[in-house]
Each structure stands twice: as structure tokens, then as C-alpha cells.
Amino acid sequence: MTLRLFPFILLCITLLYSEQNQSVNKKVEHNCTQKHENNISKDARLKKELQEQMEREKKYAREQKFYQGDEYNLSEHEVDPDALKDIPVIEPDYDFDITDVYRDDI
């Protein structure tokens, strides 16, 4: 019985070994191509990051120009303090009772 299974077992071991060997070869080839691509992509990545940083710096410069407001004349939007005297003061109504809001019988 064992002698009949021996060729089958030997075949299975051979197939497993060959599949493992092929996967190792594929990994080695993949690593080699990946290293080559990494060398090329480092320069491309560096250029891309540099370009993005330059765009952020331009945006920051525009925002700072706006926030400083040196080039804007806002004097036409100023409020005259004498005009505020004519506006009546509205006193708040402090006698509000929140319990009336939650009552169902009203």
C-alpha cells in the first residue's frame, strides 16, 4: 500500500517545491524592478512634492496679502458713531419660562 502511494507523494512534493521556487523567483524579479522604479520615482516624487509646496507658498502669500489688508480701502464701510445714537435700544425680555414650551395641555 505504501509503495503505491510513494509516486503520488513524490509528485506532490515536486509540484509544491516547483511552485514555491517559482514564487520566490517572481518575488526576486518584482523586487528588482521595484528598486529600479523607486530610483526613478524618487526624482519624480521629489519634483511633485516641490511643486505642491510651491503652490502652498503661493496660496499662503495671497492669504497674507488679504489678511494684512494694506491694499484695501475700507473707510467707506466705517460706521459713524453719531448715527448710532438714533437707533433705539431694545431691552431683552427676561420673563421667558421654558416650561411652557414642553407642556401638552396648552
N, C-alpha and C. Protein backbone atom coordinates (compact mmCIF):
# COMPACT_ATOMS: atom_id res chain seq x y z
N MET A 1 0.83 -1.19 0.00
CA MET A 1 0.00 0.00 0.00
C MET A 1 0.87 1.26 0.00
N THR A 2 1.90 1.29 0.82
CA THR A 2 2.76 2.46 0.91
C THR A 2 3.56 2.65 -0.38
N LEU A 3 3.94 1.55 -0.99
CA LEU A 3 4.72 1.66 -2.23
C LEU A 3 3.88 2.23 -3.37
N ARG A 4 2.59 2.00 -3.36
CA ARG A 4 1.74 2.56 -4.41
C ARG A 4 1.54 4.06 -4.21
N LEU A 5 1.55 4.52 -2.97
CA LEU A 5 1.36 5.94 -2.70
C LEU A 5 2.65 6.74 -2.85
N PHE A 6 3.77 6.05 -2.86
CA PHE A 6 5.04 6.74 -2.94
C PHE A 6 5.17 7.62 -4.19
N PRO A 7 4.85 7.13 -5.41
CA PRO A 7 4.95 8.02 -6.59
C PRO A 7 4.02 9.24 -6.48
N PHE A 8 2.83 9.05 -5.92
CA PHE A 8 1.89 10.15 -5.76
C PHE A 8 2.44 11.20 -4.80
N ILE A 9 3.01 10.74 -3.68
CA ILE A 9 3.59 11.65 -2.70
C ILE A 9 4.79 12.37 -3.29
N LEU A 10 5.60 11.67 -4.02
CA LEU A 10 6.77 12.27 -4.66
C LEU A 10 6.34 13.33 -5.68
N LEU A 11 5.30 13.06 -6.43
CA LEU A 11 4.77 14.02 -7.39
C LEU A 11 4.25 15.27 -6.69
N CYS A 12 3.53 15.09 -5.59
CA CYS A 12 3.00 16.24 -4.84
C CYS A 12 4.12 17.11 -4.27
N ILE A 13 5.13 16.47 -3.73
CA ILE A 13 6.26 17.21 -3.16
C ILE A 13 6.98 17.98 -4.27
N THR A 14 7.16 17.36 -5.41
CA THR A 14 7.82 18.02 -6.55
C THR A 14 7.02 19.23 -7.01
N LEU A 15 5.71 19.09 -7.10
CA LEU A 15 4.87 20.21 -7.52
C LEU A 15 4.92 21.36 -6.51
N LEU A 16 4.85 21.02 -5.24
CA LEU A 16 4.91 22.05 -4.21
C LEU A 16 6.25 22.79 -4.24
N TYR A 17 7.32 22.04 -4.41
CA TYR A 17 8.64 22.66 -4.45
C TYR A 17 8.77 23.58 -5.67
N SER A 18 8.28 23.13 -6.80
CA SER A 18 8.39 23.95 -8.02
C SER A 18 7.54 25.22 -7.91
N GLU A 19 6.36 25.11 -7.33
CA GLU A 19 5.52 26.30 -7.16
C GLU A 19 6.18 27.28 -6.20
N GLN A 20 6.78 26.77 -5.14
CA GLN A 20 7.45 27.64 -4.18
C GLN A 20 8.64 28.31 -4.83
N ASN A 21 9.39 27.58 -5.62
CA ASN A 21 10.56 28.12 -6.30
C ASN A 21 10.14 29.21 -7.30
N GLN A 22 9.05 28.98 -8.00
CA GLN A 22 8.57 29.98 -8.95
C GLN A 22 8.12 31.25 -8.23
N SER A 23 7.46 31.10 -7.10
CA SER A 23 7.01 32.29 -6.37
C SER A 23 8.20 33.07 -5.83
N VAL A 24 9.26 32.38 -5.41
CA VAL A 24 10.46 33.07 -4.94
C VAL A 24 11.11 33.83 -6.09
N ASN A 25 11.18 33.20 -7.27
CA ASN A 25 11.75 33.87 -8.44
C ASN A 25 10.94 35.10 -8.82
N LYS A 26 9.62 35.00 -8.74
CA LYS A 26 8.78 36.15 -9.07
C LYS A 26 8.99 37.28 -8.07
N LYS A 27 9.14 36.93 -6.79
CA LYS A 27 9.38 37.95 -5.77
C LYS A 27 10.70 38.67 -6.02
N VAL A 28 11.74 37.90 -6.38
CA VAL A 28 13.05 38.50 -6.65
C VAL A 28 12.96 39.43 -7.85
N GLU A 29 12.28 38.99 -8.92
CA GLU A 29 12.13 39.84 -10.10
C GLU A 29 11.33 41.09 -9.76
N HIS A 30 10.29 40.93 -8.97
CA HIS A 30 9.47 42.08 -8.59
C HIS A 30 10.27 43.08 -7.77
N ASN A 31 11.08 42.58 -6.83
CA ASN A 31 11.90 43.47 -6.01
C ASN A 31 12.91 44.23 -6.84
N CYS A 32 13.51 43.56 -7.84
CA CYS A 32 14.49 44.22 -8.70
C CYS A 32 13.84 45.34 -9.52
N THR A 33 12.68 45.05 -10.11
CA THR A 33 12.00 46.08 -10.89
C THR A 33 11.49 47.20 -9.99
N GLN A 34 11.08 46.84 -8.78
CA GLN A 34 10.58 47.86 -7.85
C GLN A 34 11.71 48.80 -7.42
N LYS A 35 12.91 48.26 -7.20
CA LYS A 35 14.04 49.11 -6.83
C LYS A 35 14.37 50.09 -7.95
N HIS A 36 14.33 49.60 -9.19
CA HIS A 36 14.60 50.46 -10.34
C HIS A 36 13.53 51.55 -10.45
N GLU A 37 12.27 51.16 -10.25
CA GLU A 37 11.18 52.13 -10.31
C GLU A 37 11.29 53.13 -9.15
N ASN A 38 11.76 52.67 -7.98
CA ASN A 38 11.91 53.58 -6.84
C ASN A 38 12.97 54.63 -7.12
N ASN A 39 14.06 54.23 -7.79
CA ASN A 39 15.10 55.21 -8.11
C ASN A 39 14.56 56.27 -9.06
N ILE A 40 13.79 55.84 -10.04
CA ILE A 40 13.20 56.78 -10.98
C ILE A 40 12.12 57.60 -10.29
N SER A 41 11.31 56.94 -9.49
CA SER A 41 10.19 57.64 -8.89
C SER A 41 10.61 58.59 -7.77
N LYS A 42 11.80 58.41 -7.20
CA LYS A 42 12.27 59.34 -6.17
C LYS A 42 12.37 60.75 -6.75
N ASP A 43 12.97 60.84 -7.94
CA ASP A 43 13.10 62.15 -8.58
C ASP A 43 11.74 62.73 -8.92
N ALA A 44 10.87 61.88 -9.44
CA ALA A 44 9.53 62.35 -9.81
C ALA A 44 8.76 62.76 -8.56
N ARG A 45 8.87 61.96 -7.50
CA ARG A 45 8.20 62.29 -6.25
C ARG A 45 8.72 63.60 -5.66
N LEU A 46 10.03 63.78 -5.71
CA LEU A 46 10.64 64.99 -5.19
C LEU A 46 10.15 66.22 -5.96
N LYS A 47 10.09 66.10 -7.29
CA LYS A 47 9.60 67.22 -8.10
C LYS A 47 8.14 67.51 -7.80
N LYS A 48 7.35 66.46 -7.63
CA LYS A 48 5.93 66.64 -7.34
C LYS A 48 5.74 67.32 -5.98
N GLU A 49 6.46 66.87 -4.96
CA GLU A 49 6.35 67.47 -3.63
C GLU A 49 6.83 68.91 -3.63
N LEU A 50 7.88 69.18 -4.39
CA LEU A 50 8.39 70.54 -4.50
C LEU A 50 7.35 71.45 -5.15
N GLN A 51 6.71 70.96 -6.21
CA GLN A 51 5.67 71.74 -6.89
C GLN A 51 4.49 72.01 -5.95
N GLU A 52 4.07 70.99 -5.18
CA GLU A 52 2.96 71.17 -4.24
C GLU A 52 3.32 72.18 -3.16
N GLN A 53 4.54 72.13 -2.67
CA GLN A 53 4.97 73.09 -1.65
C GLN A 53 5.00 74.51 -2.21
N MET A 54 5.42 74.66 -3.47
CA MET A 54 5.42 75.97 -4.09
C MET A 54 4.00 76.51 -4.22
N GLU A 55 3.04 75.65 -4.55
CA GLU A 55 1.65 76.07 -4.64
C GLU A 55 1.12 76.50 -3.26
N ARG A 56 1.49 75.76 -2.21
CA ARG A 56 1.07 76.14 -0.86
C ARG A 56 1.66 77.49 -0.46
N GLU A 57 2.92 77.74 -0.85
CA GLU A 57 3.55 79.02 -0.54
C GLU A 57 2.86 80.17 -1.27
N LYS A 58 2.46 79.94 -2.52
CA LYS A 58 1.74 80.98 -3.26
C LYS A 58 0.40 81.27 -2.60
N LYS A 59 -0.29 80.22 -2.19
CA LYS A 59 -1.58 80.40 -1.52
C LYS A 59 -1.39 81.16 -0.21
N TYR A 60 -0.36 80.81 0.54
CA TYR A 60 -0.08 81.49 1.81
C TYR A 60 0.21 82.97 1.57
N ALA A 61 0.97 83.27 0.51
CA ALA A 61 1.29 84.66 0.20
C ALA A 61 0.03 85.44 -0.14
N ARG A 62 -0.88 84.84 -0.92
CA ARG A 62 -2.14 85.51 -1.25
C ARG A 62 -2.97 85.75 0.00
N GLU A 63 -3.04 84.76 0.88
CA GLU A 63 -3.83 84.90 2.11
C GLU A 63 -3.24 85.99 3.01
N GLN A 64 -1.94 86.04 3.13
CA GLN A 64 -1.31 87.05 3.98
C GLN A 64 -1.54 88.45 3.42
N LYS A 65 -1.52 88.55 2.11
CA LYS A 65 -1.79 89.84 1.47
C LYS A 65 -3.21 90.28 1.81
N PHE A 66 -4.15 89.34 1.83
CA PHE A 66 -5.53 89.67 2.16
C PHE A 66 -5.67 90.02 3.63
N TYR A 67 -5.08 89.22 4.50
CA TYR A 67 -5.25 89.43 5.94
C TYR A 67 -4.58 90.72 6.43
N GLN A 68 -3.49 91.09 5.81
CA GLN A 68 -2.83 92.32 6.22
C GLN A 68 -3.65 93.53 5.79
N GLY A 69 -4.30 93.47 4.66
CA GLY A 69 -5.22 94.50 4.22
C GLY A 69 -4.56 95.82 3.87
N ASP A 70 -3.30 95.81 3.51
CA ASP A 70 -2.62 97.06 3.17
C ASP A 70 -3.17 97.68 1.89
N GLU A 71 -3.65 96.87 0.97
CA GLU A 71 -4.10 97.38 -0.32
C GLU A 71 -5.60 97.66 -0.36
N TYR A 72 -6.28 97.46 0.74
CA TYR A 72 -7.73 97.64 0.76
C TYR A 72 -8.10 98.93 1.48
N ASN A 73 -9.03 99.68 0.89
CA ASN A 73 -9.53 100.89 1.49
C ASN A 73 -10.94 100.61 2.01
N LEU A 74 -11.08 100.46 3.31
CA LEU A 74 -12.36 100.12 3.91
C LEU A 74 -13.01 101.31 4.61
N SER A 75 -12.51 102.50 4.33
CA SER A 75 -13.04 103.67 5.03
C SER A 75 -14.49 103.96 4.64
N GLU A 76 -14.92 103.57 3.47
CA GLU A 76 -16.32 103.82 3.08
C GLU A 76 -17.31 102.94 3.84
N HIS A 77 -16.84 101.88 4.46
CA HIS A 77 -17.71 100.99 5.22
C HIS A 77 -17.70 101.27 6.72
N GLU A 78 -17.00 102.30 7.13
CA GLU A 78 -16.96 102.63 8.54
C GLU A 78 -18.30 103.21 8.99
N VAL A 79 -18.64 102.96 10.24
CA VAL A 79 -19.91 103.43 10.80
C VAL A 79 -19.65 104.71 11.59
N ASP A 80 -20.51 105.70 11.37
CA ASP A 80 -20.39 106.96 12.10
C ASP A 80 -20.97 106.76 13.51
N PRO A 81 -20.19 107.01 14.55
CA PRO A 81 -20.70 106.80 15.91
C PRO A 81 -21.89 107.70 16.25
N ASP A 82 -21.99 108.87 15.63
CA ASP A 82 -23.13 109.76 15.90
C ASP A 82 -24.42 109.18 15.36
N ALA A 83 -24.35 108.36 14.29
CA ALA A 83 -25.55 107.77 13.71
C ALA A 83 -26.12 106.67 14.61
N LEU A 84 -25.31 106.13 15.47
CA LEU A 84 -25.78 105.07 16.37
C LEU A 84 -26.67 105.58 17.48
N LYS A 85 -26.63 106.88 17.74
CA LYS A 85 -27.46 107.46 18.80
C LYS A 85 -28.94 107.43 18.45
N ASP A 86 -29.27 107.43 17.15
CA ASP A 86 -30.66 107.45 16.71
C ASP A 86 -31.32 106.07 16.77
N ILE A 87 -30.55 105.01 16.95
CA ILE A 87 -31.10 103.65 16.97
C ILE A 87 -31.61 103.35 18.37
N PRO A 88 -32.89 102.97 18.50
CA PRO A 88 -33.42 102.69 19.84
C PRO A 88 -32.83 101.41 20.42
N VAL A 89 -32.68 101.40 21.72
CA VAL A 89 -32.15 100.23 22.41
C VAL A 89 -33.31 99.28 22.69
N ILE A 90 -33.17 98.05 22.31
CA ILE A 90 -34.21 97.04 22.53
C ILE A 90 -33.81 96.25 23.76
N GLU A 91 -34.64 96.33 24.77
CA GLU A 91 -34.37 95.60 26.01
C GLU A 91 -34.80 94.15 25.84
N PRO A 92 -34.00 93.22 26.31
CA PRO A 92 -34.38 91.80 26.21
C PRO A 92 -35.51 91.45 27.16
N ASP A 93 -36.31 90.49 26.75
CA ASP A 93 -37.44 90.03 27.56
C ASP A 93 -36.96 88.85 28.40
N TYR A 94 -36.72 89.09 29.69
CA TYR A 94 -36.16 88.07 30.55
C TYR A 94 -37.21 87.22 31.26
N ASP A 95 -38.49 87.45 31.02
CA ASP A 95 -39.51 86.69 31.75
C ASP A 95 -39.99 85.45 30.97
N PHE A 96 -39.15 84.91 30.12
CA PHE A 96 -39.50 83.72 29.35
C PHE A 96 -39.39 82.49 30.25
N ASP A 97 -40.43 81.65 30.22
CA ASP A 97 -40.45 80.43 31.02
C ASP A 97 -40.43 79.24 30.08
N ILE A 98 -39.40 78.44 30.11
CA ILE A 98 -39.24 77.32 29.19
C ILE A 98 -40.21 76.18 29.48
N THR A 99 -40.75 76.14 30.67
CA THR A 99 -41.67 75.04 30.99
C THR A 99 -42.93 75.10 30.14
N ASP A 100 -43.34 76.27 29.69
CA ASP A 100 -44.49 76.37 28.82
C ASP A 100 -44.25 75.71 27.46
N VAL A 101 -43.04 75.61 27.06
CA VAL A 101 -42.71 75.02 25.76
C VAL A 101 -43.00 73.52 25.78
N TYR A 102 -42.75 72.88 26.89
CA TYR A 102 -42.88 71.42 26.97
C TYR A 102 -44.24 70.95 27.49
N ARG A 103 -45.14 71.83 27.76
CA ARG A 103 -46.46 71.44 28.26
C ARG A 103 -47.35 71.02 27.10
N ASP A 104 -48.10 69.95 27.28
CA ASP A 104 -49.01 69.45 26.25
C ASP A 104 -50.43 69.99 26.39
N ASP A 105 -50.81 70.48 27.54
CA ASP A 105 -52.19 70.89 27.78
C ASP A 105 -52.49 72.30 27.28
N ILE A 106 -51.54 73.01 26.78
CA ILE A 106 -51.79 74.38 26.31
C ILE A 106 -52.18 74.37 24.86
